[in-house]
Amino acid sequence: MDMDLCKVHEILGDNSRFISPFSDPCGYYIWTGAGERRTIGECMISLYWDCLNYAAVHADALIGQVFDALQENVEMNRRIPGFSPDMRQKLRFESFVLEPEPIQISSCLSNPEIMFGHFLACCWDLEWNLLYFYYC
């Protein structure tokens, strides 16, 4: 279910850590499953807005979690072009997705200047613990 892009923009404002909600394709939605038509209730929509608001306020810390974990994974950081400490400042959220079952937040982080169509897929639980990440 795609989210209301005007409300996404209202929450994010001009936050440089997030891609514009008006970019194509839209990366702001609640996952309803591949090919499924699942009804999303108001409670889940409200949770999405709360999570997006938290991420907007704490974007640097969330990106920092991923970057710190990435630095610990020497094999992975060797595969990322331009990997360096200043890359941390240039990563941004390309998507923000709430997954209802199990409830978790998935995002893709990227830097179009150096990652050239690649991204870091990340997943957090509702306590904002980083569950996993991988480079695609």
N, C-alpha and C. Protein backbone atom coordinates (compact mmCIF):
# COMPACT_ATOMS: atom_id res chain seq x y z
N MET A 1 0.85 -1.17 0.00
CA MET A 1 0.00 0.00 0.00
C MET A 1 0.90 1.24 0.00
N ASP A 2 0.81 2.04 -1.04
CA ASP A 2 1.56 3.28 -1.10
C ASP A 2 1.01 4.26 -0.08
N MET A 3 1.93 5.02 0.52
CA MET A 3 1.51 5.98 1.53
C MET A 3 1.21 7.34 0.87
N ASP A 4 0.48 8.17 1.60
CA ASP A 4 0.14 9.51 1.14
C ASP A 4 1.43 10.32 1.01
N LEU A 5 1.83 10.63 -0.22
CA LEU A 5 3.11 11.28 -0.47
C LEU A 5 3.18 12.69 0.13
N CYS A 6 2.07 13.38 0.18
CA CYS A 6 2.07 14.71 0.79
C CYS A 6 2.33 14.61 2.28
N LYS A 7 1.78 13.59 2.93
CA LYS A 7 2.04 13.40 4.36
C LYS A 7 3.49 12.97 4.59
N VAL A 8 4.03 12.11 3.71
CA VAL A 8 5.44 11.73 3.81
C VAL A 8 6.30 12.99 3.72
N HIS A 9 6.00 13.84 2.75
CA HIS A 9 6.76 15.08 2.57
C HIS A 9 6.61 15.99 3.79
N GLU A 10 5.43 16.03 4.35
CA GLU A 10 5.19 16.84 5.55
C GLU A 10 6.08 16.37 6.71
N ILE A 11 6.22 15.07 6.87
CA ILE A 11 7.04 14.50 7.95
C ILE A 11 8.52 14.72 7.67
N LEU A 12 8.93 14.48 6.44
CA LEU A 12 10.35 14.55 6.10
C LEU A 12 10.84 15.97 5.85
N GLY A 13 9.98 16.83 5.37
CA GLY A 13 10.41 18.17 5.01
C GLY A 13 11.51 18.10 3.97
N ASP A 14 12.57 18.86 4.19
CA ASP A 14 13.70 18.86 3.26
C ASP A 14 14.87 18.04 3.82
N ASN A 15 14.56 17.01 4.57
CA ASN A 15 15.59 16.16 5.18
C ASN A 15 16.45 15.53 4.07
N SER A 16 17.71 15.90 4.03
CA SER A 16 18.61 15.42 2.97
C SER A 16 18.96 13.94 3.11
N ARG A 17 18.58 13.32 4.21
CA ARG A 17 18.85 11.90 4.43
C ARG A 17 17.80 11.00 3.79
N PHE A 18 16.78 11.59 3.16
CA PHE A 18 15.71 10.82 2.54
C PHE A 18 15.49 11.30 1.11
N ILE A 19 15.25 10.35 0.22
CA ILE A 19 14.91 10.68 -1.15
C ILE A 19 13.51 11.29 -1.15
N SER A 20 13.24 12.14 -2.09
CA SER A 20 11.93 12.77 -2.19
C SER A 20 10.83 11.72 -2.35
N PRO A 21 9.72 11.90 -1.65
CA PRO A 21 8.62 10.95 -1.83
C PRO A 21 8.00 11.03 -3.23
N PHE A 22 8.33 12.09 -3.96
CA PHE A 22 7.77 12.26 -5.30
C PHE A 22 8.67 11.67 -6.38
N SER A 23 9.75 11.01 -5.96
CA SER A 23 10.64 10.32 -6.92
C SER A 23 9.94 9.08 -7.45
N ASP A 24 10.38 8.64 -8.60
CA ASP A 24 9.81 7.44 -9.21
C ASP A 24 10.90 6.37 -9.25
N PRO A 25 10.69 5.18 -8.76
CA PRO A 25 9.46 4.66 -8.15
C PRO A 25 9.32 5.12 -6.71
N CYS A 26 8.11 5.05 -6.22
CA CYS A 26 7.82 5.47 -4.85
C CYS A 26 8.35 4.42 -3.88
N GLY A 27 9.12 4.85 -2.89
CA GLY A 27 9.70 3.92 -1.94
C GLY A 27 9.08 4.01 -0.55
N TYR A 28 7.93 4.64 -0.43
CA TYR A 28 7.28 4.82 0.87
C TYR A 28 5.96 4.05 0.87
N TYR A 29 5.96 2.90 1.55
CA TYR A 29 4.75 2.09 1.54
C TYR A 29 4.75 1.05 2.66
N ILE A 30 3.59 0.42 2.83
CA ILE A 30 3.44 -0.72 3.72
C ILE A 30 3.35 -1.94 2.82
N TRP A 31 4.21 -2.92 3.07
CA TRP A 31 4.26 -4.14 2.26
C TRP A 31 3.03 -4.98 2.55
N THR A 32 2.31 -5.35 1.51
CA THR A 32 1.12 -6.17 1.69
C THR A 32 1.31 -7.57 1.12
N GLY A 33 2.51 -7.89 0.68
CA GLY A 33 2.79 -9.22 0.14
C GLY A 33 2.74 -9.22 -1.37
N ALA A 34 3.55 -10.06 -1.94
CA ALA A 34 3.63 -10.16 -3.40
C ALA A 34 2.34 -10.76 -3.95
N GLY A 35 1.65 -10.00 -4.78
CA GLY A 35 0.45 -10.47 -5.44
C GLY A 35 -0.75 -10.61 -4.52
N GLU A 36 -0.62 -10.23 -3.28
CA GLU A 36 -1.74 -10.36 -2.34
C GLU A 36 -2.48 -9.04 -2.23
N ARG A 37 -3.72 -9.12 -1.87
CA ARG A 37 -4.53 -7.93 -1.59
C ARG A 37 -4.93 -8.01 -0.12
N ARG A 38 -4.10 -7.48 0.74
CA ARG A 38 -4.34 -7.51 2.17
C ARG A 38 -4.81 -6.12 2.60
N THR A 39 -5.81 -6.05 3.44
CA THR A 39 -6.29 -4.78 3.95
C THR A 39 -5.38 -4.30 5.07
N ILE A 40 -4.99 -3.06 4.99
CA ILE A 40 -4.15 -2.45 6.01
C ILE A 40 -5.03 -1.55 6.87
N GLY A 41 -5.05 -1.81 8.17
CA GLY A 41 -5.90 -1.04 9.08
C GLY A 41 -5.27 0.27 9.52
N GLU A 42 -6.09 1.10 10.14
CA GLU A 42 -5.63 2.41 10.62
C GLU A 42 -4.50 2.28 11.62
N CYS A 43 -4.50 1.24 12.42
CA CYS A 43 -3.44 1.04 13.42
C CYS A 43 -2.08 0.88 12.74
N MET A 44 -2.04 0.12 11.65
CA MET A 44 -0.79 -0.11 10.92
C MET A 44 -0.36 1.18 10.21
N ILE A 45 -1.30 1.92 9.67
CA ILE A 45 -0.98 3.19 9.02
C ILE A 45 -0.42 4.18 10.04
N SER A 46 -1.03 4.25 11.21
CA SER A 46 -0.54 5.12 12.27
C SER A 46 0.87 4.70 12.71
N LEU A 47 1.11 3.41 12.79
CA LEU A 47 2.44 2.91 13.14
C LEU A 47 3.46 3.33 12.09
N TYR A 48 3.08 3.27 10.83
CA TYR A 48 3.99 3.70 9.76
C TYR A 48 4.40 5.16 9.98
N TRP A 49 3.42 6.03 10.22
CA TRP A 49 3.73 7.46 10.40
C TRP A 49 4.64 7.67 11.61
N ASP A 50 4.39 6.94 12.69
CA ASP A 50 5.24 7.04 13.88
C ASP A 50 6.67 6.61 13.57
N CYS A 51 6.82 5.50 12.85
CA CYS A 51 8.15 4.99 12.49
C CYS A 51 8.87 5.95 11.55
N LEU A 52 8.16 6.48 10.57
CA LEU A 52 8.78 7.42 9.64
C LEU A 52 9.22 8.68 10.37
N ASN A 53 8.39 9.17 11.27
CA ASN A 53 8.75 10.35 12.05
C ASN A 53 10.00 10.08 12.88
N TYR A 54 10.05 8.93 13.53
CA TYR A 54 11.24 8.57 14.32
C TYR A 54 12.48 8.52 13.43
N ALA A 55 12.35 7.88 12.29
CA ALA A 55 13.49 7.76 11.37
C ALA A 55 13.94 9.13 10.87
N ALA A 56 13.00 10.01 10.61
CA ALA A 56 13.36 11.35 10.13
C ALA A 56 14.18 12.09 11.19
N VAL A 57 13.77 11.97 12.44
CA VAL A 57 14.47 12.65 13.53
C VAL A 57 15.82 12.00 13.82
N HIS A 58 15.89 10.67 13.70
CA HIS A 58 17.08 9.92 14.09
C HIS A 58 17.83 9.30 12.90
N ALA A 59 17.68 9.89 11.74
CA ALA A 59 18.29 9.33 10.52
C ALA A 59 19.79 9.14 10.66
N ASP A 60 20.48 10.12 11.22
CA ASP A 60 21.94 10.00 11.35
C ASP A 60 22.32 8.80 12.21
N ALA A 61 21.61 8.60 13.31
CA ALA A 61 21.91 7.48 14.20
C ALA A 61 21.59 6.14 13.53
N LEU A 62 20.48 6.06 12.80
CA LEU A 62 20.12 4.81 12.12
C LEU A 62 21.12 4.47 11.03
N ILE A 63 21.50 5.47 10.26
CA ILE A 63 22.52 5.25 9.23
C ILE A 63 23.85 4.89 9.90
N GLY A 64 24.13 5.51 11.04
CA GLY A 64 25.34 5.19 11.79
C GLY A 64 25.37 3.74 12.23
N GLN A 65 24.22 3.19 12.65
CA GLN A 65 24.16 1.77 13.03
C GLN A 65 24.61 0.89 11.86
N VAL A 66 24.06 1.17 10.70
CA VAL A 66 24.38 0.37 9.52
C VAL A 66 25.85 0.55 9.14
N PHE A 67 26.31 1.77 9.16
CA PHE A 67 27.69 2.05 8.77
C PHE A 67 28.67 1.39 9.74
N ASP A 68 28.38 1.45 11.04
CA ASP A 68 29.26 0.81 12.02
C ASP A 68 29.30 -0.71 11.81
N ALA A 69 28.14 -1.30 11.56
CA ALA A 69 28.10 -2.75 11.29
C ALA A 69 28.85 -3.06 10.00
N LEU A 70 28.73 -2.19 9.03
CA LEU A 70 29.42 -2.38 7.76
C LEU A 70 30.94 -2.30 7.95
N GLN A 71 31.40 -1.37 8.77
CA GLN A 71 32.84 -1.25 9.02
C GLN A 71 33.39 -2.52 9.66
N GLU A 72 32.59 -3.19 10.47
CA GLU A 72 33.01 -4.43 11.11
C GLU A 72 33.10 -5.58 10.11
N ASN A 73 32.39 -5.47 9.01
CA ASN A 73 32.38 -6.52 8.00
C ASN A 73 33.36 -6.15 6.89
N VAL A 74 34.62 -6.48 7.09
CA VAL A 74 35.69 -6.09 6.17
C VAL A 74 35.43 -6.62 4.77
N GLU A 75 34.96 -7.85 4.65
CA GLU A 75 34.70 -8.45 3.35
C GLU A 75 33.68 -7.64 2.57
N MET A 76 32.61 -7.23 3.25
CA MET A 76 31.56 -6.47 2.56
C MET A 76 32.05 -5.07 2.21
N ASN A 77 32.75 -4.39 3.12
CA ASN A 77 33.11 -3.02 2.80
C ASN A 77 34.15 -2.93 1.69
N ARG A 78 34.86 -4.02 1.43
CA ARG A 78 35.78 -4.05 0.29
C ARG A 78 35.03 -4.06 -1.04
N ARG A 79 33.81 -4.58 -1.02
CA ARG A 79 33.02 -4.68 -2.25
C ARG A 79 32.32 -3.38 -2.62
N ILE A 80 32.22 -2.45 -1.67
CA ILE A 80 31.48 -1.22 -1.92
C ILE A 80 32.42 -0.17 -2.48
N PRO A 81 32.15 0.31 -3.69
CA PRO A 81 33.01 1.34 -4.28
C PRO A 81 32.99 2.62 -3.44
N GLY A 82 34.15 3.19 -3.25
CA GLY A 82 34.24 4.45 -2.53
C GLY A 82 33.99 4.35 -1.05
N PHE A 83 34.05 3.14 -0.49
CA PHE A 83 33.80 2.98 0.94
C PHE A 83 34.84 3.74 1.74
N SER A 84 34.39 4.68 2.55
CA SER A 84 35.28 5.45 3.41
C SER A 84 34.42 6.08 4.50
N PRO A 85 35.06 6.58 5.56
CA PRO A 85 34.28 7.19 6.64
C PRO A 85 33.38 8.34 6.19
N ASP A 86 33.79 9.13 5.20
CA ASP A 86 32.92 10.24 4.79
C ASP A 86 31.72 9.76 3.97
N MET A 87 31.73 8.50 3.54
CA MET A 87 30.57 7.93 2.85
C MET A 87 29.36 7.93 3.79
N ARG A 88 29.61 7.76 5.09
CA ARG A 88 28.55 7.76 6.10
C ARG A 88 27.69 9.02 5.99
N GLN A 89 28.32 10.15 5.75
CA GLN A 89 27.59 11.42 5.68
C GLN A 89 26.77 11.57 4.41
N LYS A 90 27.04 10.72 3.42
CA LYS A 90 26.37 10.86 2.13
C LYS A 90 25.30 9.81 1.88
N LEU A 91 25.17 8.83 2.78
CA LEU A 91 24.12 7.83 2.60
C LEU A 91 22.76 8.45 2.88
N ARG A 92 21.76 7.97 2.14
CA ARG A 92 20.40 8.44 2.36
C ARG A 92 19.42 7.30 2.17
N PHE A 93 18.24 7.46 2.75
CA PHE A 93 17.17 6.47 2.62
C PHE A 93 16.56 6.61 1.23
N GLU A 94 16.63 5.53 0.47
CA GLU A 94 15.99 5.48 -0.85
C GLU A 94 14.57 4.91 -0.75
N SER A 95 14.30 4.23 0.36
CA SER A 95 12.97 3.66 0.58
C SER A 95 12.73 3.55 2.09
N PHE A 96 11.46 3.44 2.45
CA PHE A 96 11.08 3.25 3.84
C PHE A 96 9.80 2.42 3.82
N VAL A 97 9.91 1.16 4.27
CA VAL A 97 8.81 0.20 4.14
C VAL A 97 8.51 -0.44 5.48
N LEU A 98 7.25 -0.47 5.85
CA LEU A 98 6.81 -1.18 7.04
C LEU A 98 6.31 -2.54 6.59
N GLU A 99 6.84 -3.59 7.20
CA GLU A 99 6.41 -4.96 6.90
C GLU A 99 5.57 -5.45 8.07
N PRO A 100 4.31 -5.83 7.84
CA PRO A 100 3.42 -6.19 8.94
C PRO A 100 3.68 -7.54 9.60
N GLU A 101 4.22 -8.51 8.90
CA GLU A 101 4.36 -9.86 9.47
C GLU A 101 5.72 -10.46 9.15
N PRO A 102 6.65 -10.50 10.09
CA PRO A 102 6.62 -9.84 11.39
C PRO A 102 6.81 -8.33 11.21
N ILE A 103 6.37 -7.58 12.19
CA ILE A 103 6.46 -6.13 12.07
C ILE A 103 7.92 -5.71 12.14
N GLN A 104 8.37 -5.09 11.05
CA GLN A 104 9.74 -4.58 10.97
C GLN A 104 9.79 -3.49 9.93
N ILE A 105 10.88 -2.71 9.97
CA ILE A 105 11.06 -1.60 9.04
C ILE A 105 12.22 -1.95 8.11
N SER A 106 11.97 -1.89 6.83
CA SER A 106 13.01 -2.17 5.84
C SER A 106 13.29 -0.90 5.04
N SER A 107 14.55 -0.71 4.74
CA SER A 107 14.96 0.45 3.95
C SER A 107 16.13 0.10 3.08
N CYS A 108 16.30 0.87 2.04
CA CYS A 108 17.50 0.79 1.22
C CYS A 108 18.24 2.11 1.39
N LEU A 109 19.52 2.01 1.72
CA LEU A 109 20.38 3.18 1.83
C LEU A 109 21.29 3.21 0.63
N SER A 110 21.53 4.38 0.10
CA SER A 110 22.39 4.48 -1.06
C SER A 110 23.05 5.85 -1.11
N ASN A 111 24.02 5.94 -1.97
CA ASN A 111 24.66 7.20 -2.32
C ASN A 111 24.83 7.15 -3.83
N PRO A 112 23.97 7.82 -4.57
CA PRO A 112 24.01 7.72 -6.03
C PRO A 112 25.32 8.21 -6.65
N GLU A 113 26.08 9.02 -5.92
CA GLU A 113 27.35 9.52 -6.45
C GLU A 113 28.41 8.43 -6.55
N ILE A 114 28.40 7.48 -5.59
CA ILE A 114 29.46 6.47 -5.60
C ILE A 114 28.97 5.03 -5.68
N MET A 115 27.70 4.79 -5.41
CA MET A 115 27.22 3.40 -5.39
C MET A 115 26.60 2.97 -6.71
N PHE A 116 26.32 3.87 -7.62
CA PHE A 116 25.92 3.57 -9.00
C PHE A 116 24.85 2.48 -9.11
N GLY A 117 23.68 2.71 -8.53
CA GLY A 117 22.58 1.76 -8.65
C GLY A 117 22.60 0.65 -7.63
N HIS A 118 23.59 0.63 -6.76
CA HIS A 118 23.64 -0.36 -5.68
C HIS A 118 23.12 0.27 -4.41
N PHE A 119 22.84 -0.56 -3.42
CA PHE A 119 22.32 -0.04 -2.17
C PHE A 119 22.61 -1.00 -1.03
N LEU A 120 22.42 -0.52 0.19
CA LEU A 120 22.49 -1.34 1.39
C LEU A 120 21.06 -1.59 1.83
N ALA A 121 20.62 -2.84 1.78
CA ALA A 121 19.30 -3.20 2.26
C ALA A 121 19.40 -3.40 3.77
N CYS A 122 18.53 -2.75 4.53
CA CYS A 122 18.61 -2.76 5.99
C CYS A 122 17.24 -3.12 6.57
N CYS A 123 17.27 -3.70 7.76
CA CYS A 123 16.02 -4.04 8.42
C CYS A 123 16.17 -3.83 9.92
N TRP A 124 15.19 -3.13 10.52
CA TRP A 124 15.15 -2.87 11.96
C TRP A 124 13.88 -3.45 12.55
N ASP A 125 13.94 -3.81 13.84
CA ASP A 125 12.72 -4.16 14.55
C ASP A 125 12.08 -2.88 15.08
N LEU A 126 10.98 -3.00 15.80
CA LEU A 126 10.27 -1.80 16.28
C LEU A 126 10.99 -1.09 17.42
N GLU A 127 12.02 -1.72 17.97
CA GLU A 127 12.86 -1.07 18.98
C GLU A 127 14.06 -0.40 18.33
N TRP A 128 14.11 -0.42 17.00
CA TRP A 128 15.18 0.16 16.19
C TRP A 128 16.53 -0.55 16.38
N ASN A 129 16.44 -1.86 16.65
CA ASN A 129 17.65 -2.69 16.63
C ASN A 129 17.86 -3.13 15.19
N LEU A 130 19.07 -2.99 14.71
CA LEU A 130 19.39 -3.42 13.35
C LEU A 130 19.36 -4.95 13.30
N LEU A 131 18.46 -5.50 12.50
CA LEU A 131 18.33 -6.96 12.39
C LEU A 131 19.32 -7.53 11.39
N TYR A 132 19.42 -6.88 10.24
CA TYR A 132 20.38 -7.31 9.23
C TYR A 132 20.56 -6.21 8.19
N PHE A 133 21.60 -6.38 7.39
CA PHE A 133 21.84 -5.51 6.25
C PHE A 133 22.65 -6.31 5.25
N TYR A 134 22.56 -5.95 4.01
CA TYR A 134 23.39 -6.56 2.97
C TYR A 134 23.53 -5.58 1.82
N TYR A 135 24.59 -5.78 1.06
CA TYR A 135 24.92 -4.91 -0.08
C TYR A 135 24.41 -5.55 -1.34
N CYS A 136 23.66 -4.81 -2.13
CA CYS A 136 23.11 -5.32 -3.41
C CYS A 136 23.60 -4.46 -4.54
